[in-house]
Amino acid sequence: MSTVRDDKFPEILSKVKDLFLEYGLRSLSMDDISRKLAISKKTLYQYVDSKEDLISRILERSQCETEEFYSCLRPKSLNAIDILLEASKHVSKEMLRFNPVITFDLMKYYPALFNNFIEMKRNLIHRKIKDNIHQGIEEGIYRENLNPELISQVYVNNLVSMHQADFLAKSNLTFAMVFEVMFENHIRAIANRKGLDYFESKRDTLDFQL
C-alpha cells in the first residue's frame, strides 16, 4: 500500500476529482490522469496503489470536506435555522455536481466504494440534522416534542429524493424552487412560534439559490 503523502497530495486529489467529474470514472485510465496532470505515472503511484485506491481517496476527502464545512458553521453564531439552510445548500451543491455518469460508474464498477460512500454520507447528514434539531430545541426555536431521530431520517430522504426525481426535466420548475419549498415545509413543521417569527422575519432575504 502506498504511504507517500505530502502537501501536493490534496491538490492532486482535487484535480483528479475535477477530471472524473468532467469525463467520468471509466473513461479515464491512470495513463490519462497522469498525462492530464502533467506528472509521471510512477509519481502518481507513489501516492496511490491503483485507480480504485485513487477513487477511494477522493471519496474520503469529500467526506472530510463535508465534516469541515459543518464544523465551521457553529462558531459563526448562527442559529439552528440559519445553519440548517447553509448545510442543506452545501449538500445539494455536492449532489448536483455529483453527476449521474459518476454515480453509474461507481455503482457498476466500484460497488463496494459506492455503497460505503453513500452510507457514510447519509449517516453524516443524518447525524448533523439530528444535532440541528437538538440545537433548535435548546435555542427555543424548535418545538420541544419533536422526535429528532425520525425527523432527521425523513429530512435526509427528502433531500436525497429531490436529486433523483425526474419531474424537473418535465416541468418549468427549477431546483431552487423545489429546494425552497422543501426547506420551508420542514421549518414550518418543526419550528415553534418564536422560530416561525424568526423565519418569517428573514424569509424575503434568504438565498435559496445554489
N, C-alpha and C. Protein backbone atom coordinates (compact mmCIF):
# COMPACT_ATOMS: atom_id res chain seq x y z
N MET A 1 0.84 -1.20 0.00
CA MET A 1 0.00 0.00 0.00
C MET A 1 0.87 1.24 0.00
N SER A 2 0.55 2.17 -0.86
CA SER A 2 1.32 3.41 -0.93
C SER A 2 1.08 4.26 0.30
N THR A 3 2.16 4.82 0.83
CA THR A 3 2.04 5.61 2.06
C THR A 3 2.57 7.03 1.89
N VAL A 4 3.08 7.33 0.70
CA VAL A 4 3.64 8.66 0.47
C VAL A 4 2.52 9.71 0.50
N ARG A 5 2.64 10.69 1.37
CA ARG A 5 1.67 11.78 1.45
C ARG A 5 2.45 13.07 1.70
N ASP A 6 2.17 14.10 0.95
CA ASP A 6 2.79 15.39 1.20
C ASP A 6 1.78 16.48 0.88
N ASP A 7 2.21 17.72 0.92
CA ASP A 7 1.27 18.81 0.72
C ASP A 7 0.76 18.88 -0.72
N LYS A 8 1.35 18.13 -1.63
CA LYS A 8 0.88 18.11 -3.01
C LYS A 8 -0.29 17.15 -3.20
N PHE A 9 -0.43 16.19 -2.30
CA PHE A 9 -1.44 15.15 -2.47
C PHE A 9 -2.87 15.70 -2.50
N PRO A 10 -3.26 16.60 -1.58
CA PRO A 10 -4.62 17.16 -1.66
C PRO A 10 -4.89 17.86 -2.98
N GLU A 11 -3.87 18.56 -3.50
CA GLU A 11 -4.03 19.24 -4.78
C GLU A 11 -4.23 18.24 -5.92
N ILE A 12 -3.48 17.15 -5.87
CA ILE A 12 -3.62 16.09 -6.87
C ILE A 12 -5.03 15.51 -6.82
N LEU A 13 -5.51 15.22 -5.62
CA LEU A 13 -6.86 14.66 -5.47
C LEU A 13 -7.91 15.61 -6.01
N SER A 14 -7.74 16.89 -5.74
CA SER A 14 -8.70 17.89 -6.21
C SER A 14 -8.74 17.93 -7.73
N LYS A 15 -7.57 17.89 -8.36
CA LYS A 15 -7.51 17.93 -9.82
C LYS A 15 -8.08 16.66 -10.44
N VAL A 16 -7.78 15.52 -9.84
CA VAL A 16 -8.31 14.26 -10.37
C VAL A 16 -9.83 14.22 -10.21
N LYS A 17 -10.33 14.73 -9.10
CA LYS A 17 -11.78 14.79 -8.89
C LYS A 17 -12.44 15.60 -10.00
N ASP A 18 -11.84 16.73 -10.36
CA ASP A 18 -12.38 17.55 -11.44
C ASP A 18 -12.37 16.79 -12.77
N LEU A 19 -11.32 16.01 -12.99
CA LEU A 19 -11.24 15.22 -14.22
C LEU A 19 -12.35 14.17 -14.26
N PHE A 20 -12.56 13.49 -13.14
CA PHE A 20 -13.61 12.48 -13.08
C PHE A 20 -14.99 13.10 -13.29
N LEU A 21 -15.20 14.27 -12.71
CA LEU A 21 -16.48 14.95 -12.87
C LEU A 21 -16.72 15.35 -14.32
N GLU A 22 -15.64 15.65 -15.03
CA GLU A 22 -15.77 16.08 -16.42
C GLU A 22 -15.89 14.90 -17.38
N TYR A 23 -15.10 13.84 -17.14
CA TYR A 23 -15.03 12.74 -18.10
C TYR A 23 -15.68 11.45 -17.63
N GLY A 24 -16.00 11.36 -16.34
CA GLY A 24 -16.49 10.09 -15.80
C GLY A 24 -15.34 9.25 -15.29
N LEU A 25 -15.65 8.18 -14.60
CA LEU A 25 -14.62 7.33 -14.00
C LEU A 25 -14.03 6.34 -14.99
N ARG A 26 -14.89 5.67 -15.72
CA ARG A 26 -14.44 4.57 -16.56
C ARG A 26 -13.57 5.04 -17.72
N SER A 27 -13.87 6.21 -18.25
CA SER A 27 -13.18 6.65 -19.47
C SER A 27 -11.75 7.12 -19.22
N LEU A 28 -11.38 7.31 -17.96
CA LEU A 28 -10.03 7.78 -17.65
C LEU A 28 -9.17 6.66 -17.07
N SER A 29 -8.07 6.39 -17.72
CA SER A 29 -7.10 5.43 -17.19
C SER A 29 -6.06 6.19 -16.36
N MET A 30 -5.22 5.45 -15.68
CA MET A 30 -4.15 6.10 -14.91
C MET A 30 -3.18 6.82 -15.84
N ASP A 31 -3.00 6.29 -17.04
CA ASP A 31 -2.16 6.97 -18.03
C ASP A 31 -2.78 8.32 -18.41
N ASP A 32 -4.10 8.31 -18.63
CA ASP A 32 -4.79 9.55 -18.97
C ASP A 32 -4.65 10.58 -17.85
N ILE A 33 -4.84 10.11 -16.63
CA ILE A 33 -4.79 11.01 -15.47
C ILE A 33 -3.41 11.62 -15.32
N SER A 34 -2.37 10.80 -15.40
CA SER A 34 -1.00 11.30 -15.25
C SER A 34 -0.66 12.28 -16.36
N ARG A 35 -1.16 12.01 -17.57
CA ARG A 35 -0.88 12.90 -18.70
C ARG A 35 -1.58 14.25 -18.51
N LYS A 36 -2.82 14.23 -18.09
CA LYS A 36 -3.58 15.47 -17.90
C LYS A 36 -3.06 16.28 -16.71
N LEU A 37 -2.49 15.58 -15.72
CA LEU A 37 -1.91 16.28 -14.57
C LEU A 37 -0.47 16.69 -14.82
N ALA A 38 0.07 16.24 -15.94
CA ALA A 38 1.47 16.54 -16.29
C ALA A 38 2.44 16.00 -15.25
N ILE A 39 2.15 14.79 -14.77
CA ILE A 39 3.08 14.09 -13.88
C ILE A 39 3.24 12.68 -14.41
N SER A 40 4.32 12.03 -14.03
CA SER A 40 4.54 10.67 -14.49
C SER A 40 3.62 9.70 -13.76
N LYS A 41 3.35 8.57 -14.41
CA LYS A 41 2.51 7.57 -13.74
C LYS A 41 3.23 7.00 -12.53
N LYS A 42 4.56 6.95 -12.61
CA LYS A 42 5.35 6.48 -11.47
C LYS A 42 5.14 7.38 -10.27
N THR A 43 5.11 8.70 -10.50
CA THR A 43 4.87 9.65 -9.41
C THR A 43 3.47 9.46 -8.84
N LEU A 44 2.50 9.25 -9.72
CA LEU A 44 1.12 9.04 -9.27
C LEU A 44 1.02 7.82 -8.38
N TYR A 45 1.74 6.76 -8.74
CA TYR A 45 1.70 5.52 -7.96
C TYR A 45 2.49 5.62 -6.65
N GLN A 46 3.18 6.70 -6.46
CA GLN A 46 3.81 6.93 -5.15
C GLN A 46 2.76 7.35 -4.12
N TYR A 47 1.62 7.84 -4.63
CA TYR A 47 0.55 8.31 -3.74
C TYR A 47 -0.55 7.26 -3.55
N VAL A 48 -0.84 6.51 -4.61
CA VAL A 48 -1.92 5.53 -4.55
C VAL A 48 -1.47 4.23 -5.19
N ASP A 49 -2.17 3.14 -4.84
CA ASP A 49 -1.80 1.83 -5.36
C ASP A 49 -2.45 1.50 -6.69
N SER A 50 -3.61 2.10 -6.91
CA SER A 50 -4.39 1.75 -8.10
C SER A 50 -5.43 2.83 -8.36
N LYS A 51 -6.15 2.68 -9.46
CA LYS A 51 -7.22 3.62 -9.77
C LYS A 51 -8.32 3.53 -8.71
N GLU A 52 -8.61 2.33 -8.28
CA GLU A 52 -9.63 2.15 -7.23
C GLU A 52 -9.21 2.83 -5.93
N ASP A 53 -7.93 2.72 -5.60
CA ASP A 53 -7.41 3.39 -4.41
C ASP A 53 -7.52 4.90 -4.56
N LEU A 54 -7.25 5.39 -5.77
CA LEU A 54 -7.35 6.83 -6.04
C LEU A 54 -8.79 7.31 -5.85
N ILE A 55 -9.74 6.57 -6.38
CA ILE A 55 -11.15 6.92 -6.22
C ILE A 55 -11.55 6.90 -4.75
N SER A 56 -11.05 5.89 -4.03
CA SER A 56 -11.36 5.79 -2.61
C SER A 56 -10.85 7.00 -1.84
N ARG A 57 -9.65 7.46 -2.18
CA ARG A 57 -9.06 8.64 -1.51
C ARG A 57 -9.89 9.89 -1.80
N ILE A 58 -10.37 10.00 -3.02
CA ILE A 58 -11.18 11.17 -3.39
C ILE A 58 -12.49 11.18 -2.61
N LEU A 59 -13.11 10.02 -2.47
CA LEU A 59 -14.36 9.92 -1.71
C LEU A 59 -14.13 10.22 -0.23
N GLU A 60 -13.01 9.74 0.28
CA GLU A 60 -12.67 10.02 1.68
C GLU A 60 -12.46 11.52 1.89
N ARG A 61 -11.79 12.13 0.94
CA ARG A 61 -11.54 13.58 1.04
C ARG A 61 -12.85 14.36 0.97
N SER A 62 -13.75 13.92 0.12
CA SER A 62 -15.06 14.57 0.02
C SER A 62 -15.79 14.51 1.35
N GLN A 63 -15.70 13.37 2.00
CA GLN A 63 -16.35 13.20 3.31
C GLN A 63 -15.72 14.13 4.34
N CYS A 64 -14.40 14.23 4.32
CA CYS A 64 -13.70 15.11 5.27
C CYS A 64 -14.04 16.57 5.04
N GLU A 65 -14.17 16.95 3.76
CA GLU A 65 -14.51 18.34 3.44
C GLU A 65 -15.91 18.68 3.95
N THR A 66 -16.82 17.74 3.87
CA THR A 66 -18.17 17.96 4.39
C THR A 66 -18.13 18.12 5.90
N GLU A 67 -17.35 17.28 6.56
CA GLU A 67 -17.19 17.37 8.02
C GLU A 67 -16.63 18.75 8.39
N GLU A 68 -15.62 19.20 7.66
CA GLU A 68 -15.01 20.50 7.94
C GLU A 68 -16.00 21.63 7.73
N PHE A 69 -16.83 21.51 6.71
CA PHE A 69 -17.83 22.55 6.45
C PHE A 69 -18.79 22.68 7.63
N TYR A 70 -19.28 21.55 8.12
CA TYR A 70 -20.20 21.58 9.25
C TYR A 70 -19.54 22.15 10.50
N SER A 71 -18.28 21.79 10.72
CA SER A 71 -17.59 22.25 11.92
C SER A 71 -17.36 23.75 11.91
N CYS A 72 -17.35 24.35 10.72
CA CYS A 72 -17.12 25.80 10.60
C CYS A 72 -18.40 26.61 10.78
N LEU A 73 -19.56 25.96 10.72
CA LEU A 73 -20.81 26.69 10.80
C LEU A 73 -21.13 27.18 12.20
N ARG A 74 -20.97 26.32 13.20
CA ARG A 74 -21.41 26.65 14.56
C ARG A 74 -20.68 27.86 15.15
N PRO A 75 -19.37 27.99 14.96
CA PRO A 75 -18.67 29.15 15.55
C PRO A 75 -19.12 30.50 15.00
N LYS A 76 -19.89 30.52 13.91
CA LYS A 76 -20.33 31.78 13.33
C LYS A 76 -21.52 32.38 14.08
N SER A 77 -21.93 31.74 15.17
CA SER A 77 -23.06 32.23 15.98
C SER A 77 -24.37 32.24 15.20
N LEU A 78 -24.53 31.31 14.29
CA LEU A 78 -25.78 31.17 13.56
C LEU A 78 -26.75 30.33 14.39
N ASN A 79 -28.03 30.61 14.26
CA ASN A 79 -28.97 29.76 14.98
C ASN A 79 -29.27 28.52 14.14
N ALA A 80 -30.09 27.63 14.67
CA ALA A 80 -30.33 26.33 14.04
C ALA A 80 -30.95 26.47 12.65
N ILE A 81 -31.84 27.43 12.46
CA ILE A 81 -32.49 27.61 11.15
C ILE A 81 -31.47 28.07 10.11
N ASP A 82 -30.62 29.03 10.48
CA ASP A 82 -29.58 29.51 9.55
C ASP A 82 -28.61 28.39 9.20
N ILE A 83 -28.20 27.62 10.21
CA ILE A 83 -27.26 26.53 9.97
C ILE A 83 -27.87 25.46 9.07
N LEU A 84 -29.14 25.14 9.32
CA LEU A 84 -29.80 24.12 8.51
C LEU A 84 -29.86 24.54 7.04
N LEU A 85 -30.14 25.80 6.79
CA LEU A 85 -30.21 26.29 5.42
C LEU A 85 -28.85 26.19 4.74
N GLU A 86 -27.80 26.66 5.40
CA GLU A 86 -26.46 26.62 4.81
C GLU A 86 -25.99 25.19 4.59
N ALA A 87 -26.27 24.32 5.57
CA ALA A 87 -25.86 22.92 5.45
C ALA A 87 -26.61 22.22 4.32
N SER A 88 -27.90 22.48 4.21
CA SER A 88 -28.71 21.86 3.16
C SER A 88 -28.26 22.32 1.78
N LYS A 89 -27.92 23.60 1.66
CA LYS A 89 -27.44 24.11 0.38
C LYS A 89 -26.10 23.47 0.01
N HIS A 90 -25.25 23.28 1.00
CA HIS A 90 -23.95 22.66 0.75
C HIS A 90 -24.12 21.23 0.25
N VAL A 91 -24.98 20.46 0.91
CA VAL A 91 -25.24 19.08 0.50
C VAL A 91 -25.81 19.04 -0.91
N SER A 92 -26.74 19.94 -1.19
CA SER A 92 -27.38 19.97 -2.50
C SER A 92 -26.38 20.32 -3.60
N LYS A 93 -25.48 21.26 -3.32
CA LYS A 93 -24.45 21.60 -4.31
C LYS A 93 -23.58 20.39 -4.62
N GLU A 94 -23.23 19.64 -3.58
CA GLU A 94 -22.42 18.44 -3.77
C GLU A 94 -23.16 17.43 -4.65
N MET A 95 -24.43 17.24 -4.33
CA MET A 95 -25.22 16.26 -5.07
C MET A 95 -25.42 16.65 -6.52
N LEU A 96 -25.63 17.94 -6.76
CA LEU A 96 -25.83 18.40 -8.13
C LEU A 96 -24.56 18.23 -8.96
N ARG A 97 -23.42 18.43 -8.31
CA ARG A 97 -22.15 18.29 -9.03
C ARG A 97 -21.81 16.81 -9.27
N PHE A 98 -22.32 15.95 -8.40
CA PHE A 98 -22.06 14.51 -8.50
C PHE A 98 -22.98 13.95 -9.58
N ASN A 99 -22.55 14.11 -10.85
CA ASN A 99 -23.46 13.84 -11.97
C ASN A 99 -23.79 12.35 -12.11
N PRO A 100 -24.88 12.03 -12.84
CA PRO A 100 -25.34 10.65 -12.98
C PRO A 100 -24.31 9.70 -13.56
N VAL A 101 -23.43 10.20 -14.43
CA VAL A 101 -22.41 9.34 -15.02
C VAL A 101 -21.47 8.81 -13.94
N ILE A 102 -21.07 9.68 -13.02
CA ILE A 102 -20.20 9.26 -11.91
C ILE A 102 -20.90 8.22 -11.07
N THR A 103 -22.16 8.49 -10.75
CA THR A 103 -22.94 7.55 -9.93
C THR A 103 -23.04 6.20 -10.60
N PHE A 104 -23.33 6.20 -11.91
CA PHE A 104 -23.45 4.95 -12.66
C PHE A 104 -22.14 4.18 -12.65
N ASP A 105 -21.04 4.88 -12.93
CA ASP A 105 -19.72 4.23 -12.96
C ASP A 105 -19.37 3.64 -11.60
N LEU A 106 -19.64 4.40 -10.53
CA LEU A 106 -19.34 3.90 -9.20
C LEU A 106 -20.17 2.66 -8.87
N MET A 107 -21.47 2.72 -9.17
CA MET A 107 -22.36 1.60 -8.85
C MET A 107 -21.98 0.34 -9.62
N LYS A 108 -21.61 0.50 -10.89
CA LYS A 108 -21.34 -0.66 -11.74
C LYS A 108 -19.93 -1.22 -11.55
N TYR A 109 -18.94 -0.34 -11.46
CA TYR A 109 -17.56 -0.81 -11.48
C TYR A 109 -16.89 -0.79 -10.10
N TYR A 110 -17.44 0.01 -9.18
CA TYR A 110 -16.86 0.08 -7.83
C TYR A 110 -17.99 0.05 -6.79
N PRO A 111 -18.81 -1.02 -6.79
CA PRO A 111 -19.99 -1.06 -5.92
C PRO A 111 -19.66 -0.97 -4.43
N ALA A 112 -18.56 -1.58 -4.01
CA ALA A 112 -18.21 -1.53 -2.59
C ALA A 112 -17.87 -0.09 -2.17
N LEU A 113 -17.11 0.62 -3.01
CA LEU A 113 -16.77 2.01 -2.71
C LEU A 113 -18.04 2.87 -2.71
N PHE A 114 -18.91 2.64 -3.68
CA PHE A 114 -20.14 3.43 -3.78
C PHE A 114 -21.02 3.23 -2.55
N ASN A 115 -21.26 1.98 -2.20
CA ASN A 115 -22.14 1.69 -1.06
C ASN A 115 -21.58 2.26 0.24
N ASN A 116 -20.27 2.14 0.42
CA ASN A 116 -19.64 2.67 1.62
C ASN A 116 -19.73 4.19 1.67
N PHE A 117 -19.51 4.84 0.52
CA PHE A 117 -19.57 6.31 0.46
C PHE A 117 -20.98 6.82 0.75
N ILE A 118 -21.99 6.20 0.13
CA ILE A 118 -23.37 6.63 0.33
C ILE A 118 -23.78 6.43 1.78
N GLU A 119 -23.37 5.32 2.35
CA GLU A 119 -23.71 5.05 3.76
C GLU A 119 -23.07 6.08 4.68
N MET A 120 -21.80 6.38 4.45
CA MET A 120 -21.12 7.39 5.27
C MET A 120 -21.75 8.76 5.10
N LYS A 121 -22.09 9.11 3.86
CA LYS A 121 -22.68 10.42 3.57
C LYS A 121 -24.05 10.56 4.25
N ARG A 122 -24.86 9.55 4.10
CA ARG A 122 -26.20 9.59 4.72
C ARG A 122 -26.09 9.65 6.24
N ASN A 123 -25.17 8.86 6.80
CA ASN A 123 -25.01 8.85 8.26
C ASN A 123 -24.54 10.20 8.77
N LEU A 124 -23.63 10.82 8.02
CA LEU A 124 -23.12 12.14 8.43
C LEU A 124 -24.24 13.17 8.39
N ILE A 125 -24.97 13.22 7.29
CA ILE A 125 -26.05 14.20 7.16
C ILE A 125 -27.13 13.95 8.21
N HIS A 126 -27.46 12.68 8.40
CA HIS A 126 -28.47 12.32 9.40
C HIS A 126 -28.04 12.77 10.79
N ARG A 127 -26.78 12.55 11.11
CA ARG A 127 -26.27 12.94 12.44
C ARG A 127 -26.30 14.46 12.61
N LYS A 128 -25.92 15.18 11.57
CA LYS A 128 -25.88 16.64 11.67
C LYS A 128 -27.29 17.23 11.74
N ILE A 129 -28.24 16.65 11.01
CA ILE A 129 -29.62 17.13 11.07
C ILE A 129 -30.19 16.88 12.47
N LYS A 130 -29.87 15.75 13.02
CA LYS A 130 -30.34 15.43 14.37
C LYS A 130 -29.74 16.39 15.39
N ASP A 131 -28.45 16.69 15.22
CA ASP A 131 -27.81 17.69 16.09
C ASP A 131 -28.48 19.05 15.94
N ASN A 132 -28.86 19.38 14.70
CA ASN A 132 -29.51 20.65 14.42
C ASN A 132 -30.85 20.75 15.14
N ILE A 133 -31.58 19.66 15.17
CA ILE A 133 -32.87 19.65 15.86
C ILE A 133 -32.69 19.87 17.35
N HIS A 134 -31.71 19.20 17.93
CA HIS A 134 -31.42 19.39 19.35
C HIS A 134 -31.00 20.84 19.62
N GLN A 135 -30.19 21.41 18.71
CA GLN A 135 -29.77 22.80 18.87
C GLN A 135 -30.96 23.74 18.83
N GLY A 136 -31.87 23.51 17.87
CA GLY A 136 -33.04 24.36 17.76
C GLY A 136 -33.94 24.29 18.98
N ILE A 137 -34.05 23.10 19.56
CA ILE A 137 -34.85 22.94 20.78
C ILE A 137 -34.21 23.71 21.93
N GLU A 138 -32.87 23.58 22.04
CA GLU A 138 -32.14 24.29 23.10
C GLU A 138 -32.25 25.80 22.94
N GLU A 139 -32.28 26.27 21.70
CA GLU A 139 -32.37 27.71 21.44
C GLU A 139 -33.80 28.24 21.58
N GLY A 140 -34.74 27.32 21.75
CA GLY A 140 -36.13 27.73 21.92
C GLY A 140 -36.82 28.15 20.64
N ILE A 141 -36.33 27.65 19.49
CA ILE A 141 -36.98 28.00 18.22
C ILE A 141 -37.60 26.77 17.53
N TYR A 142 -37.32 25.56 18.04
CA TYR A 142 -37.99 24.36 17.56
C TYR A 142 -38.90 23.83 18.66
N ARG A 143 -39.94 23.12 18.28
CA ARG A 143 -40.86 22.54 19.25
C ARG A 143 -40.15 21.50 20.11
N GLU A 144 -40.54 21.40 21.36
CA GLU A 144 -39.87 20.50 22.30
C GLU A 144 -40.30 19.05 22.14
N ASN A 145 -41.45 18.80 21.55
CA ASN A 145 -41.98 17.43 21.48
C ASN A 145 -41.61 16.73 20.18
N LEU A 146 -40.49 17.10 19.59
CA LEU A 146 -40.05 16.51 18.33
C LEU A 146 -39.35 15.18 18.55
N ASN A 147 -39.35 14.34 17.53
CA ASN A 147 -38.59 13.09 17.52
C ASN A 147 -37.40 13.30 16.59
N PRO A 148 -36.25 13.73 17.12
CA PRO A 148 -35.09 14.06 16.28
C PRO A 148 -34.65 12.93 15.35
N GLU A 149 -34.70 11.70 15.84
CA GLU A 149 -34.26 10.56 15.05
C GLU A 149 -35.15 10.39 13.81
N LEU A 150 -36.44 10.39 14.01
CA LEU A 150 -37.37 10.19 12.90
C LEU A 150 -37.35 11.37 11.93
N ILE A 151 -37.39 12.59 12.46
CA ILE A 151 -37.44 13.77 11.61
C ILE A 151 -36.18 13.91 10.77
N SER A 152 -35.03 13.60 11.35
CA SER A 152 -33.77 13.70 10.59
C SER A 152 -33.74 12.68 9.46
N GLN A 153 -34.28 11.49 9.70
CA GLN A 153 -34.33 10.48 8.64
C GLN A 153 -35.23 10.93 7.49
N VAL A 154 -36.38 11.50 7.83
CA VAL A 154 -37.31 11.97 6.81
C VAL A 154 -36.67 13.10 6.00
N TYR A 155 -36.00 14.03 6.70
CA TYR A 155 -35.39 15.17 6.01
C TYR A 155 -34.29 14.72 5.07
N VAL A 156 -33.46 13.80 5.51
CA VAL A 156 -32.39 13.28 4.65
C VAL A 156 -32.98 12.60 3.42
N ASN A 157 -34.02 11.79 3.62
CA ASN A 157 -34.66 11.11 2.48
C ASN A 157 -35.23 12.12 1.49
N ASN A 158 -35.85 13.18 2.00
CA ASN A 158 -36.41 14.21 1.12
C ASN A 158 -35.31 14.93 0.36
N LEU A 159 -34.21 15.21 1.06
CA LEU A 159 -33.09 15.91 0.43
C LEU A 159 -32.49 15.08 -0.69
N VAL A 160 -32.33 13.78 -0.43
CA VAL A 160 -31.77 12.88 -1.44
C VAL A 160 -32.74 12.69 -2.60
N SER A 161 -34.03 12.54 -2.29
CA SER A 161 -35.04 12.29 -3.32
C SER A 161 -35.14 13.44 -4.31
N MET A 162 -34.94 14.65 -3.85
CA MET A 162 -35.02 15.81 -4.74
C MET A 162 -34.06 15.68 -5.91
N HIS A 163 -32.92 15.07 -5.68
CA HIS A 163 -31.90 14.99 -6.71
C HIS A 163 -32.10 13.79 -7.62
N GLN A 164 -33.02 12.90 -7.24
CA GLN A 164 -33.28 11.72 -8.05
C GLN A 164 -34.57 11.86 -8.86
N ALA A 165 -35.40 12.80 -8.47
CA ALA A 165 -36.68 12.97 -9.16
C ALA A 165 -36.46 13.49 -10.58
N ASP A 166 -37.27 12.97 -11.51
CA ASP A 166 -37.12 13.39 -12.91
C ASP A 166 -38.17 14.40 -13.33
N PHE A 167 -39.03 14.83 -12.38
CA PHE A 167 -40.10 15.73 -12.79
C PHE A 167 -39.58 17.13 -13.14
N LEU A 168 -38.38 17.48 -12.66
CA LEU A 168 -37.83 18.79 -13.01
C LEU A 168 -37.60 18.91 -14.52
N ALA A 169 -37.19 17.79 -15.11
CA ALA A 169 -36.93 17.81 -16.55
C ALA A 169 -38.21 17.91 -17.36
N LYS A 170 -39.35 17.62 -16.73
CA LYS A 170 -40.62 17.61 -17.44
C LYS A 170 -41.49 18.81 -17.07
N SER A 171 -40.92 19.77 -16.39
CA SER A 171 -41.71 20.92 -15.96
C SER A 171 -40.87 22.18 -16.04
N ASN A 172 -41.48 23.29 -15.65
CA ASN A 172 -40.76 24.57 -15.65
C ASN A 172 -40.17 24.87 -14.28
N LEU A 173 -40.20 23.91 -13.39
CA LEU A 173 -39.67 24.11 -12.05
C LEU A 173 -38.14 24.07 -12.08
N THR A 174 -37.54 24.90 -11.25
CA THR A 174 -36.08 24.85 -11.07
C THR A 174 -35.77 24.13 -9.77
N PHE A 175 -34.53 23.69 -9.64
CA PHE A 175 -34.16 23.01 -8.41
C PHE A 175 -34.29 23.96 -7.22
N ALA A 176 -33.94 25.23 -7.42
CA ALA A 176 -34.02 26.21 -6.33
C ALA A 176 -35.46 26.35 -5.83
N MET A 177 -36.43 26.29 -6.74
CA MET A 177 -37.83 26.39 -6.35
C MET A 177 -38.25 25.20 -5.50
N VAL A 178 -37.87 24.02 -5.91
CA VAL A 178 -38.21 22.80 -5.16
C VAL A 178 -37.50 22.79 -3.81
N PHE A 179 -36.24 23.19 -3.82
CA PHE A 179 -35.46 23.23 -2.58
C PHE A 179 -36.09 24.20 -1.59
N GLU A 180 -36.52 25.36 -2.06
CA GLU A 180 -37.12 26.36 -1.19
C GLU A 180 -38.39 25.83 -0.52
N VAL A 181 -39.24 25.18 -1.30
CA VAL A 181 -40.49 24.63 -0.75
C VAL A 181 -40.19 23.52 0.26
N MET A 182 -39.25 22.64 -0.08
CA MET A 182 -38.88 21.56 0.83
C MET A 182 -38.38 22.10 2.15
N PHE A 183 -37.49 23.10 2.09
CA PHE A 183 -36.90 23.66 3.29
C PHE A 183 -37.96 24.38 4.13
N GLU A 184 -38.79 25.18 3.48
CA GLU A 184 -39.81 25.93 4.23
C GLU A 184 -40.81 24.98 4.89
N ASN A 185 -41.22 23.93 4.18
CA ASN A 185 -42.14 22.97 4.78
C ASN A 185 -41.54 22.31 6.01
N HIS A 186 -40.24 22.01 5.92
CA HIS A 186 -39.55 21.39 7.06
C HIS A 186 -39.53 22.33 8.26
N ILE A 187 -39.16 23.59 8.04
CA ILE A 187 -39.09 24.55 9.13
C ILE A 187 -40.47 24.76 9.74
N ARG A 188 -41.48 24.88 8.94
CA ARG A 188 -42.83 25.11 9.46
C ARG A 188 -43.34 23.91 10.24
N ALA A 189 -42.80 22.74 9.95
CA ALA A 189 -43.23 21.53 10.66
C ALA A 189 -42.56 21.38 12.02
N ILE A 190 -41.36 21.96 12.20
CA ILE A 190 -40.62 21.73 13.45
C ILE A 190 -40.46 22.98 14.31
N ALA A 191 -40.65 24.17 13.74
CA ALA A 191 -40.41 25.40 14.49
C ALA A 191 -41.60 25.74 15.38
N ASN A 192 -41.32 26.36 16.53
CA ASN A 192 -42.39 26.89 17.38
C ASN A 192 -42.69 28.32 16.94
N ARG A 193 -43.52 29.02 17.70
CA ARG A 193 -43.90 30.37 17.31
C ARG A 193 -42.69 31.29 17.18
N LYS A 194 -41.75 31.18 18.13
CA LYS A 194 -40.56 32.02 18.08
C LYS A 194 -39.75 31.73 16.82
N GLY A 195 -39.59 30.44 16.51
CA GLY A 195 -38.84 30.06 15.33
C GLY A 195 -39.51 30.51 14.04
N LEU A 196 -40.84 30.39 14.00
CA LEU A 196 -41.58 30.82 12.82
C LEU A 196 -41.50 32.34 12.63
N ASP A 197 -41.55 33.07 13.75
CA ASP A 197 -41.41 34.53 13.66
C ASP A 197 -40.05 34.90 13.10
N TYR A 198 -39.01 34.17 13.55
CA TYR A 198 -37.66 34.44 13.04
C TYR A 198 -37.59 34.12 11.55
N PHE A 199 -38.14 32.97 11.18
CA PHE A 199 -38.11 32.57 9.77
C PHE A 199 -38.86 33.59 8.90
N GLU A 200 -40.03 34.02 9.36
CA GLU A 200 -40.81 34.99 8.60
C GLU A 200 -40.07 36.33 8.47
N SER A 201 -39.35 36.70 9.54
CA SER A 201 -38.64 37.99 9.51
C SER A 201 -37.50 37.98 8.50
N LYS A 202 -36.95 36.79 8.21
CA LYS A 202 -35.84 36.69 7.27
C LYS A 202 -36.25 36.10 5.94
N ARG A 203 -37.51 35.72 5.81
CA ARG A 203 -38.00 34.98 4.64
C ARG A 203 -37.60 35.64 3.32
N ASP A 204 -37.77 36.94 3.23
CA ASP A 204 -37.52 37.63 1.97
C ASP A 204 -36.03 37.84 1.67
N THR A 205 -35.19 37.63 2.68
CA THR A 205 -33.76 37.85 2.48
C THR A 205 -32.98 36.54 2.35
N LEU A 206 -33.64 35.42 2.58
CA LEU A 206 -32.96 34.13 2.49
C LEU A 206 -32.64 33.81 1.04
N ASP A 207 -31.45 33.29 0.81
CA ASP A 207 -31.00 32.95 -0.54
C ASP A 207 -31.06 31.44 -0.73
N PHE A 208 -31.99 30.98 -1.55
CA PHE A 208 -32.13 29.55 -1.79
C PHE A 208 -31.43 29.11 -3.07
N GLN A 209 -30.76 30.05 -3.72
CA GLN A 209 -30.01 29.69 -4.93
C GLN A 209 -28.75 28.91 -4.55
N LEU A 210 -28.41 27.93 -5.37
CA LEU A 210 -27.22 27.10 -5.08
C LEU A 210 -26.06 27.55 -5.94
